[in-house]
Structure formats: C-alpha cells, structure tokens
Amino acid sequence: MDKTIITEKAFKGFLKLTGIVVLIIPSLLLTTLVFRSIPAIRTYGLSFISGQTWDPVREVYGALPFLTGTLITSFIALMIAFPLSFSVALVLSEYMKEGIAKTVLKSAVELLAGIPSVIYGFWGLLVLVPLIRKMELATVIPPYGVSILAASIILAIMIIPYASTMAREVMSMVPEDIKEAAYSLGGTHWEVIRRVIIPTSRSGIFAGILLALGRALGETMAVTMVIGNTNKLSFNIFAPGNTMASVIANEFTEAVSSLYLSSLIELGLLLFLVTAIINFIGRFIMKRFEIKDTNK
C-alpha cells in the first residue's frame, strides 16, 4: 500500500481519537461531579438551589447566594468589558492597521490575557478596593471596599483580551471587496463599519462575548481576593458577596463531613451546568444570527 495512503489513514485515525477524547473528558467530569454530589442531592434536592443559608455547623447548605453572586459579577463584568473590548477591536482592525501604535496596543491586550489572576487580585486589594472605599466614604454607602463591584471590575479587566481578540480577528476577516463595494456606493468609513463590518462579523463578536462570559463565570482567585466572601444573598453591588468558585476554593480543605464535601462538589456541578447552559443559549443565538445573514 502506498505510504501516503497509510499516513493519511493514520492521521485520520488520530483526529478521530482526539475528537473522542474531547467528548470523553467533559463526560467524565460531569459523571464524577454527579456521583460525588449524590449525598447532597438526596438530602436537599432542588431546595439546594433555592436555599439561602450556608451553615456548615448546622449542616444546612443552600447555593442561591453563590449562584446569584456568580451571575451578577459575571454579567456586570461583561457590561463593563464589552464596550471597551469592541472599541479596542475596532481600533486595531479598522483605524490602526499598521504601525508602532498598533503593535503596542495589541501587545498590551495580549499581555492582559497572560497576567496570572492572583496578580489581578493583589492589584484589586492594593489599588481598586481603597479607591472604592474612598468613593463610598464620600457618600452614604457603607465603606466595605471589598464588594461585588470590585470583583466585577477585576473580572471586566481580565476578560477584555478574550472578547477583543475574537472580535478583532473576525472584523479583519471581512472581505475587502465587500467593503470596497460599500465605499464605491458613497459610504463613509463609519457607514461601512456600521452597515457592513458589524453585521457581517456579529456572530464572531458574539462568540467572543460568550468566551469572555465563560471565563468570568469560572474565575476564582482574583474574585476571591476582592469580593468579601460573605455567604449572604445580596443584590447590592457595593456590599460583599461570594461566588460558587470562591466558596469552593475557600472551604474545600475545611470540609470535614461527607455532606459538607458533597455540598461543595454539588456547587461545582451547578457551576458546570450554568456554564453549559449559557454556552448552549449563546450558540443557539449565534446560529440564529447565521441564519439571518444567510437569508439576507
């Protein structure tokens, strides 16, 4: 048999094996989380999600404060980061196509993605938290400093590289002939961006937002350092809070009882499911975008 054919078959086999492994890994993660969460699931059932009390002493565990804290911090971070990410992507793809300025800005964005989360946490404690506390002292807000707002700002800074990089790459892939056709019809640079570039690349921009949101949902160390770690349900962004990832990181080594440990693992299962659901919803919306673009 020809050596080329053998090599091609071996390569196809390797790719299939890789795909199977990628499918197996999340399945094993989910199976492990479900199996280790069974004691907590049997004890609390659905009340685990709606429960507002987390008391290891009385063996009462409810995940609602952490679920709420996770979603609030992540979506506030996304609202802060999206305009900045979109602006950076637009500048790099349309206004700074070459030159030293583009290199510096692009390198700075890439550097943000490579900074360890613990460094963000230190910066938040040393700089951001005191600033928020000073702002709170100037008003009637209790001067906690550490808060949901501080965690959201830190998360926003951390996810900017993910959203901006994806958006920049997609905007750069818009065919030049489409843009030239728009210019030839008398369109200005802003009109070409608004009517051609953004509609053409919106599914990719949304994919970047989805990637950034997934990063925000699972962030642990930086959030743990600045959120205050209070196991109480709160919708006040200036008050301390907690997230699912933070409480797992803080209390996993202290879980002395099997029910306590199982409850923490069920929190991990809940975080896994929330991330999967948000990704599913995001991909559904992306497909709707693609269908609309095809129909046009």
Protein backbone atom coordinates (compact mmCIF):
# COMPACT_ATOMS: atom_id res chain seq x y z
CA MET A 1 0.00 0.00 0.00
CA ASP A 2 1.17 3.49 -0.82
CA LYS A 3 2.97 5.18 2.06
CA THR A 4 0.96 8.36 1.53
CA ILE A 5 -2.34 6.49 1.91
CA ILE A 6 -1.10 4.82 5.13
CA THR A 7 -0.03 8.19 6.53
CA GLU A 8 -3.38 9.74 5.64
CA LYS A 9 -5.33 6.92 7.29
CA ALA A 10 -3.16 7.15 10.40
CA PHE A 11 -3.71 10.90 10.56
CA LYS A 12 -7.50 10.47 10.16
CA GLY A 13 -7.45 7.86 12.90
CA PHE A 14 -5.52 10.23 15.18
CA LEU A 15 -8.03 13.02 14.53
CA LYS A 16 -10.97 10.72 15.32
CA LEU A 17 -9.27 9.58 18.51
CA THR A 18 -8.68 13.20 19.52
CA GLY A 19 -12.34 14.01 18.93
CA ILE A 20 -13.42 11.03 21.04
CA VAL A 21 -11.09 12.07 23.87
CA VAL A 22 -12.50 15.62 23.78
CA LEU A 23 -16.01 14.16 24.15
CA ILE A 24 -14.97 11.78 26.92
CA ILE A 25 -13.28 14.39 29.15
CA PRO A 26 -16.39 16.54 29.88
CA SER A 27 -18.47 13.37 30.23
CA LEU A 28 -16.07 12.06 32.87
CA LEU A 29 -16.08 15.43 34.64
CA LEU A 30 -19.87 15.51 34.72
CA THR A 31 -20.12 11.88 35.86
CA THR A 32 -17.64 12.46 38.69
CA LEU A 33 -19.41 15.59 39.88
CA VAL A 34 -22.83 13.91 39.81
CA PHE A 35 -21.58 10.78 41.60
CA ARG A 36 -19.81 12.74 44.36
CA SER A 37 -22.82 15.06 44.76
CA ILE A 38 -25.35 12.28 45.37
CA PRO A 39 -25.38 12.63 49.23
CA ALA A 40 -26.19 16.36 48.97
CA ILE A 41 -28.71 15.80 46.15
CA ARG A 42 -30.53 13.16 48.23
CA THR A 43 -30.54 15.36 51.33
CA TYR A 44 -31.61 18.70 49.85
CA GLY A 45 -32.96 18.03 46.36
CA LEU A 46 -33.94 21.18 44.48
CA SER A 47 -34.01 23.16 47.72
CA PHE A 48 -30.21 23.25 47.46
CA ILE A 49 -30.54 25.71 44.58
CA SER A 50 -33.18 27.89 46.25
CA GLY A 51 -31.72 27.74 49.77
CA GLN A 52 -30.25 30.96 51.15
CA THR A 53 -28.44 29.56 54.19
CA TRP A 54 -24.93 28.13 54.11
CA ASP A 55 -24.11 26.91 57.63
CA PRO A 56 -21.57 24.05 57.96
CA VAL A 57 -22.09 23.95 61.74
CA ARG A 58 -25.79 23.07 61.43
CA GLU A 59 -25.25 21.11 58.20
CA VAL A 60 -27.57 23.40 56.26
CA TYR A 61 -26.46 24.22 52.72
CA GLY A 62 -28.10 26.46 50.13
CA ALA A 63 -26.48 27.64 46.90
CA LEU A 64 -28.64 30.65 45.99
CA PRO A 65 -26.27 33.34 47.39
CA PHE A 66 -23.36 31.91 45.44
CA LEU A 67 -25.35 31.33 42.25
CA THR A 68 -26.63 34.89 42.40
CA GLY A 69 -23.18 36.29 43.15
CA THR A 70 -21.65 34.39 40.24
CA LEU A 71 -24.23 35.61 37.74
CA ILE A 72 -24.25 39.22 38.99
CA THR A 73 -20.45 39.62 38.94
CA SER A 74 -20.12 37.94 35.54
CA PHE A 75 -22.82 39.95 33.77
CA ILE A 76 -21.75 43.27 35.30
CA ALA A 77 -18.19 42.48 34.20
CA LEU A 78 -19.49 41.73 30.71
CA MET A 79 -21.39 45.03 30.54
CA ILE A 80 -18.25 46.89 31.55
CA ALA A 81 -15.90 44.93 29.29
CA PHE A 82 -17.95 44.76 26.10
CA PRO A 83 -17.79 48.46 25.08
CA LEU A 84 -14.06 48.52 25.83
CA SER A 85 -13.40 45.23 24.01
CA PHE A 86 -15.43 46.27 20.98
CA SER A 87 -13.67 49.64 20.83
CA VAL A 88 -10.22 48.03 21.04
CA ALA A 89 -11.14 45.52 18.33
CA LEU A 90 -12.46 48.26 16.08
CA VAL A 91 -9.39 50.43 16.54
CA LEU A 92 -6.99 47.57 15.81
CA SER A 93 -8.89 46.25 12.80
CA GLU A 94 -10.01 49.49 11.13
CA TYR A 95 -8.11 52.51 12.44
CA MET A 96 -4.66 51.11 13.31
CA LYS A 97 -3.93 48.63 10.56
CA GLU A 98 -0.18 49.03 10.91
CA GLY A 99 2.49 50.94 12.77
CA ILE A 100 4.06 51.10 16.21
CA ALA A 101 0.84 52.23 17.90
CA LYS A 102 -0.97 49.09 16.76
CA THR A 103 1.90 46.87 17.90
CA VAL A 104 1.96 48.49 21.35
CA LEU A 105 -1.82 48.30 21.82
CA LYS A 106 -2.03 44.73 20.55
CA SER A 107 0.85 43.66 22.82
CA ALA A 108 -0.80 45.34 25.81
CA VAL A 109 -4.06 43.48 25.18
CA GLU A 110 -2.23 40.16 24.82
CA LEU A 111 -0.27 40.89 28.00
CA LEU A 112 -3.53 41.32 29.93
CA ALA A 113 -4.51 37.79 28.95
CA GLY A 114 -1.22 36.38 30.24
CA ILE A 115 -1.17 38.02 33.68
CA PRO A 116 -1.92 35.48 36.45
CA SER A 117 -5.24 36.01 38.20
CA VAL A 118 -3.55 36.31 41.59
CA ILE A 119 -1.76 39.44 40.32
CA TYR A 120 -5.12 40.94 39.41
CA GLY A 121 -6.28 40.07 42.91
CA PHE A 122 -3.29 41.81 44.51
CA TRP A 123 -3.84 44.88 42.35
CA GLY A 124 -7.50 44.88 43.30
CA LEU A 125 -6.70 44.75 47.02
CA LEU A 126 -3.98 47.39 46.88
CA VAL A 127 -5.49 49.85 44.39
CA LEU A 128 -9.10 49.17 43.43
CA VAL A 129 -10.56 48.34 46.85
CA PRO A 130 -9.13 51.51 48.51
CA LEU A 131 -10.50 53.62 45.64
CA ILE A 132 -13.96 52.12 46.02
CA ARG A 133 -13.78 52.59 49.80
CA LYS A 134 -12.90 56.28 49.34
CA MET A 135 -15.83 56.68 46.97
CA GLU A 136 -18.12 55.00 49.49
CA LEU A 137 -16.85 57.23 52.33
CA ALA A 138 -17.79 60.26 50.26
CA THR A 139 -21.38 59.00 50.09
CA VAL A 140 -23.82 57.30 52.46
CA ILE A 141 -22.75 53.82 51.29
CA PRO A 142 -21.11 51.63 53.96
CA PRO A 143 -17.34 51.67 53.20
CA TYR A 144 -16.72 47.96 52.70
CA GLY A 145 -14.33 48.37 49.79
CA VAL A 146 -14.36 44.65 49.07
CA SER A 147 -17.58 44.09 47.17
CA ILE A 148 -19.38 42.64 44.19
CA LEU A 149 -18.49 45.82 42.29
CA ALA A 150 -14.76 45.35 42.93
CA ALA A 151 -14.96 41.74 41.74
CA SER A 152 -16.90 42.79 38.63
CA ILE A 153 -14.33 45.44 37.68
CA ILE A 154 -11.47 42.98 38.12
CA LEU A 155 -13.32 40.42 36.00
CA ALA A 156 -14.03 43.04 33.33
CA ILE A 157 -10.32 43.82 33.01
CA MET A 158 -9.49 40.11 32.84
CA ILE A 159 -11.96 39.27 30.06
CA ILE A 160 -11.22 42.23 27.78
CA PRO A 161 -8.45 40.34 25.88
CA TYR A 162 -10.72 37.38 25.10
CA ALA A 163 -13.62 39.41 23.71
CA SER A 164 -11.45 41.97 21.89
CA THR A 165 -9.14 39.41 20.26
CA MET A 166 -12.02 37.35 18.90
CA ALA A 167 -13.84 40.45 17.62
CA ARG A 168 -10.67 41.83 16.02
CA GLU A 169 -9.94 38.60 14.18
CA VAL A 170 -13.50 38.36 12.85
CA MET A 171 -13.57 42.01 11.75
CA SER A 172 -10.25 41.55 9.96
CA MET A 173 -11.72 38.61 8.01
CA VAL A 174 -14.49 40.70 6.40
CA PRO A 175 -13.75 40.51 2.63
CA GLU A 176 -12.17 43.64 1.22
CA ASP A 177 -14.32 43.53 -1.91
CA ILE A 178 -17.46 43.95 0.20
CA LYS A 179 -16.01 47.00 1.92
CA GLU A 180 -14.76 48.43 -1.38
CA ALA A 181 -18.23 47.98 -2.87
CA ALA A 182 -19.73 49.94 0.03
CA TYR A 183 -17.16 52.71 -0.44
CA SER A 184 -17.88 52.83 -4.16
CA LEU A 185 -21.55 53.45 -3.40
CA GLY A 186 -20.58 56.56 -1.45
CA GLY A 187 -20.42 55.12 2.04
CA THR A 188 -18.24 56.80 4.64
CA HIS A 189 -15.86 54.88 6.90
CA TRP A 190 -18.37 54.96 9.74
CA GLU A 191 -21.21 53.80 7.46
CA VAL A 192 -19.09 50.91 6.19
CA ILE A 193 -18.34 49.89 9.78
CA ARG A 194 -21.97 50.19 10.88
CA ARG A 195 -23.66 48.68 7.84
CA VAL A 196 -21.07 46.19 6.55
CA ILE A 197 -18.39 45.20 9.06
CA ILE A 198 -20.51 44.87 12.20
CA PRO A 199 -23.42 42.95 10.57
CA THR A 200 -21.00 40.63 8.76
CA SER A 201 -18.95 39.84 11.84
CA ARG A 202 -21.63 39.95 14.56
CA SER A 203 -21.72 36.18 15.08
CA GLY A 204 -17.97 36.20 15.72
CA ILE A 205 -18.30 39.20 18.03
CA PHE A 206 -20.96 37.35 19.98
CA ALA A 207 -18.69 34.30 20.14
CA GLY A 208 -16.04 36.49 21.76
CA ILE A 209 -18.60 37.72 24.29
CA LEU A 210 -19.54 34.12 25.02
CA LEU A 211 -15.91 33.15 25.50
CA ALA A 212 -15.40 36.09 27.86
CA LEU A 213 -18.51 35.21 29.85
CA GLY A 214 -17.34 31.63 30.28
CA ARG A 215 -14.01 32.96 31.57
CA ALA A 216 -15.81 35.25 34.02
CA LEU A 217 -18.12 32.54 35.38
CA GLY A 218 -15.26 30.28 36.42
CA GLU A 219 -12.71 32.82 37.69
CA THR A 220 -11.67 32.03 41.24
CA MET A 221 -8.55 33.59 42.76
CA ALA A 222 -8.92 37.24 41.76
CA VAL A 223 -12.61 37.27 42.67
CA THR A 224 -11.96 35.54 45.99
CA MET A 225 -9.48 38.23 46.99
CA VAL A 226 -11.76 41.24 46.41
CA ILE A 227 -15.40 40.11 46.71
CA GLY A 228 -15.52 39.91 50.50
CA ASN A 229 -16.54 36.21 50.78
CA THR A 230 -19.83 36.74 52.64
CA ASN A 231 -22.26 33.83 52.46
CA LYS A 232 -25.34 36.04 52.30
CA LEU A 233 -27.74 36.74 49.46
CA SER A 234 -27.22 40.32 48.31
CA PHE A 235 -28.20 42.32 45.25
CA ASN A 236 -26.27 45.37 46.45
CA ILE A 237 -23.16 45.68 44.27
CA PHE A 238 -21.42 47.76 46.94
CA ALA A 239 -21.80 45.00 49.56
CA PRO A 240 -19.58 41.93 49.98
CA GLY A 241 -20.72 38.73 48.32
CA ASN A 242 -19.46 35.37 47.13
CA THR A 243 -19.40 33.16 44.06
CA MET A 244 -19.57 29.42 43.58
CA ALA A 245 -15.93 29.18 42.58
CA SER A 246 -14.81 31.31 45.53
CA VAL A 247 -16.65 29.35 48.19
CA ILE A 248 -15.28 26.08 46.81
CA ALA A 249 -11.74 27.47 46.91
CA ASN A 250 -12.17 28.85 50.42
CA GLU A 251 -13.88 25.91 52.10
CA PHE A 252 -12.89 22.75 50.25
CA THR A 253 -9.98 21.97 52.58
CA GLU A 254 -12.20 22.62 55.62
CA ALA A 255 -14.91 20.15 54.60
CA VAL A 256 -14.66 17.60 57.41
CA SER A 257 -18.03 15.89 56.95
CA SER A 258 -19.10 13.91 53.89
CA LEU A 259 -22.25 16.03 53.48
CA TYR A 260 -20.22 19.24 53.61
CA LEU A 261 -17.83 17.94 50.96
CA SER A 262 -20.70 16.65 48.84
CA SER A 263 -22.42 20.06 49.01
CA LEU A 264 -19.27 21.80 47.80
CA ILE A 265 -18.98 19.32 44.94
CA GLU A 266 -22.63 19.95 44.08
CA LEU A 267 -21.74 23.65 43.86
CA GLY A 268 -19.12 22.66 41.31
CA LEU A 269 -21.76 20.64 39.45
CA LEU A 270 -24.08 23.65 39.47
CA LEU A 271 -21.31 25.87 38.10
CA PHE A 272 -20.62 23.29 35.38
CA LEU A 273 -24.31 23.21 34.40
CA VAL A 274 -24.70 27.01 34.45
CA THR A 275 -21.69 27.38 32.16
CA ALA A 276 -23.02 24.67 29.82
CA ILE A 277 -26.50 26.25 29.69
CA ILE A 278 -25.13 29.72 28.93
CA ASN A 279 -22.91 28.27 26.20
CA PHE A 280 -25.88 26.42 24.72
CA ILE A 281 -28.01 29.57 24.70
CA GLY A 282 -25.15 31.55 23.18
CA ARG A 283 -24.60 29.03 20.39
CA PHE A 284 -28.33 28.99 19.65
CA ILE A 285 -28.30 32.79 19.29
CA MET A 286 -25.20 32.59 17.08
CA LYS A 287 -26.96 30.12 14.79
CA ARG A 288 -29.92 32.48 14.55
CA PHE A 289 -27.51 35.25 13.53
CA GLU A 290 -26.01 33.00 10.85
CA ILE A 291 -29.46 32.06 9.52
CA LYS A 292 -30.47 35.72 9.26
CA ASP A 293 -27.21 36.58 7.49
CA THR A 294 -27.78 33.68 5.03
CA ASN A 295 -31.33 34.82 4.30
CA LYS A 296 -30.07 38.31 3.54
